[in-house]
Protein backbone atom coordinates (compact mmCIF):
# COMPACT_ATOMS: atom_id res chain seq x y z
CA MET A 1 -119.27 24.28 -129.24
CA ASN A 2 -117.49 24.13 -125.88
CA ASP A 3 -118.39 27.76 -125.03
CA VAL A 4 -122.01 27.07 -125.95
CA LEU A 5 -121.99 23.86 -123.94
CA ARG A 6 -120.29 25.48 -120.95
CA HIS A 7 -122.94 28.21 -120.91
CA ALA A 8 -125.70 25.59 -121.26
CA ALA A 9 -124.16 23.53 -118.45
CA GLU A 10 -123.96 26.54 -116.13
CA GLU A 11 -127.58 27.44 -116.89
CA PHE A 12 -128.67 23.82 -116.36
CA LEU A 13 -126.86 23.64 -113.00
CA GLN A 14 -128.36 26.96 -111.90
CA GLN A 15 -131.88 25.69 -112.67
CA LEU A 16 -131.20 22.35 -110.98
CA ARG A 17 -129.88 24.13 -107.87
CA ALA A 18 -132.91 26.44 -107.77
CA ALA A 19 -135.30 23.48 -107.91
CA TRP A 20 -133.35 21.68 -105.15
CA ASP A 21 -133.17 24.79 -102.96
CA ALA A 22 -136.94 25.25 -103.36
CA GLY A 23 -137.52 21.59 -102.41
CA ASP A 24 -139.52 21.20 -105.63
CA ALA A 25 -139.34 17.54 -106.69
CA ARG A 26 -141.33 18.11 -109.89
CA ALA A 27 -139.11 21.01 -111.07
CA TYR A 28 -136.00 19.05 -110.08
CA ALA A 29 -137.08 15.93 -112.00
CA ALA A 30 -138.09 18.09 -115.00
CA LYS A 31 -134.36 18.71 -115.58
CA PHE A 32 -133.97 15.03 -116.54
CA THR A 33 -135.07 13.14 -119.65
CA ASP A 34 -138.09 10.82 -119.41
CA ASP A 35 -135.74 7.80 -119.47
CA ALA A 36 -132.82 9.22 -117.47
CA THR A 37 -130.57 7.07 -115.33
CA TYR A 38 -129.75 8.57 -111.93
CA VAL A 39 -127.17 6.87 -109.69
CA ILE A 40 -127.07 8.21 -106.13
CA PHE A 41 -123.92 8.19 -103.99
CA LEU A 42 -125.15 5.13 -102.04
CA GLY A 43 -125.06 3.08 -105.24
CA GLU A 44 -128.81 2.95 -105.85
CA VAL A 45 -130.28 3.61 -109.29
CA LEU A 46 -133.37 5.61 -110.19
CA LEU A 47 -134.74 5.00 -113.67
CA GLY A 48 -136.71 7.71 -115.43
CA ARG A 49 -138.06 11.14 -114.59
CA GLU A 50 -141.09 9.77 -112.72
CA GLU A 51 -138.93 7.71 -110.36
CA ILE A 52 -136.55 10.65 -109.84
CA GLU A 53 -139.51 12.86 -108.91
CA ARG A 54 -141.07 10.23 -106.62
CA ASN A 55 -137.76 9.70 -104.81
CA HIS A 56 -137.13 13.42 -104.38
CA ILE A 57 -140.54 14.09 -102.86
CA GLU A 58 -139.34 12.03 -99.89
CA VAL A 59 -135.79 13.42 -100.07
CA PHE A 60 -137.06 17.00 -99.79
CA ALA A 61 -139.67 16.18 -97.14
CA ARG A 62 -137.35 14.18 -94.86
CA TRP A 63 -133.59 14.15 -94.75
CA ARG A 64 -132.75 17.09 -97.04
CA LYS A 65 -135.53 19.41 -95.88
CA GLY A 66 -134.32 23.00 -95.84
CA LYS A 67 -130.85 22.17 -97.16
CA LYS A 68 -129.32 24.01 -100.08
CA MET A 69 -127.17 22.77 -102.95
CA ALA A 70 -123.69 23.88 -103.97
CA VAL A 71 -122.54 22.67 -107.38
CA LYS A 72 -119.72 23.78 -109.66
CA ALA A 73 -118.71 22.55 -113.11
CA ILE A 74 -115.04 21.64 -113.24
CA GLU A 75 -114.91 20.05 -116.72
CA VAL A 76 -117.24 20.35 -119.70
CA HIS A 77 -116.75 18.23 -122.83
CA SER A 78 -118.74 18.08 -126.03
CA LEU A 79 -119.60 14.53 -127.09
CA GLY A 80 -121.37 15.66 -130.27
CA ALA A 81 -123.57 18.46 -131.54
CA ASP A 82 -126.31 17.80 -128.99
CA VAL A 83 -124.55 15.87 -126.19
CA GLY A 84 -122.10 16.87 -123.51
CA SER A 85 -120.44 15.54 -120.39
CA VAL A 86 -120.22 17.79 -117.34
CA LEU A 87 -118.03 16.88 -114.36
CA THR A 88 -119.00 18.72 -111.20
CA VAL A 89 -118.27 18.96 -107.51
CA GLY A 90 -121.20 19.43 -105.19
CA GLY A 91 -122.52 19.42 -101.69
CA ILE A 92 -125.70 19.85 -99.68
CA GLY A 93 -125.98 21.74 -96.42
CA THR A 94 -127.11 24.73 -94.41
CA GLU A 95 -123.74 26.46 -94.04
CA ALA A 96 -123.12 29.88 -95.57
CA VAL A 97 -120.44 28.19 -97.70
CA ILE A 98 -121.45 24.61 -98.39
CA PRO A 99 -118.44 22.29 -98.61
CA TYR A 100 -118.08 20.01 -101.61
CA ASP A 101 -118.24 16.33 -100.70
CA LYS A 102 -119.47 14.70 -103.94
CA ILE A 103 -118.15 14.36 -107.47
CA GLN A 104 -120.82 14.07 -110.16
CA THR A 105 -121.05 13.42 -113.86
CA PHE A 106 -123.99 14.74 -115.88
CA THR A 107 -124.58 13.66 -119.46
CA LEU A 108 -126.57 16.51 -120.99
CA VAL A 109 -128.59 16.27 -124.19
CA ARG A 110 -130.12 19.14 -126.15
CA ARG A 111 -133.90 18.98 -126.31
CA GLY A 112 -135.38 21.81 -128.35
CA ALA A 113 -134.02 25.09 -127.03
CA GLY A 114 -132.85 23.61 -123.72
CA TRP A 115 -130.72 20.88 -122.21
CA LEU A 116 -131.72 17.94 -120.02
CA CYS A 117 -129.74 15.33 -118.15
CA ALA A 118 -129.92 11.81 -119.62
CA ALA A 119 -127.51 10.20 -117.13
CA PHE A 120 -126.27 11.26 -113.69
CA GLN A 121 -123.68 9.64 -111.40
CA ASN A 122 -123.07 10.95 -107.88
CA THR A 123 -120.08 9.65 -105.89
CA ALA A 124 -118.83 10.48 -102.40
CA MET A 125 -115.55 12.40 -102.51
CA SER A 126 -112.39 10.97 -100.97
CA GLU A 127 -110.76 12.88 -98.11
CA PRO A 128 -107.85 14.02 -100.34
CA ALA A 129 -110.33 15.27 -102.98
CA LYS A 130 -112.23 17.21 -100.30
CA VAL A 131 -108.99 19.00 -99.40
CA VAL A 132 -108.30 19.87 -103.04
CA PHE A 133 -111.81 21.02 -103.99
CA ASN A 134 -112.52 22.91 -100.76
CA ALA A 135 -109.21 24.78 -100.62
CA PRO A 136 -109.58 28.54 -100.55
CA PRO A 137 -108.78 30.22 -103.89
CA SER A 138 -105.17 31.32 -104.14
């Protein structure tokens, strides 16, 4: 199951990144369940796909306009046949290599042939974590 889930998580993250990079709030929100919980790094909560979409219309039009997403899965755990937890590092920016400055947890659920996020938590990374996760590969 973990190989299947890891592949599903990578595909999910690729689709999420593509929607973000396109500034497409509807496509971005479509990656979440109708009743998803979405906690942003400032500690605010968005409840449900509609609120996630509404919020991201403004996000993409204002303060994240033209910025791209970097996201990488660092841990993937099966929580059952159709549920998984994905720990990621991520960042938003315009640099050629976008530094990671957030740690996120996605709870993915299988819906039909695909996977959606039912719960998302985004937390600012500590300075020591930034050093660890942005170190060049050895």
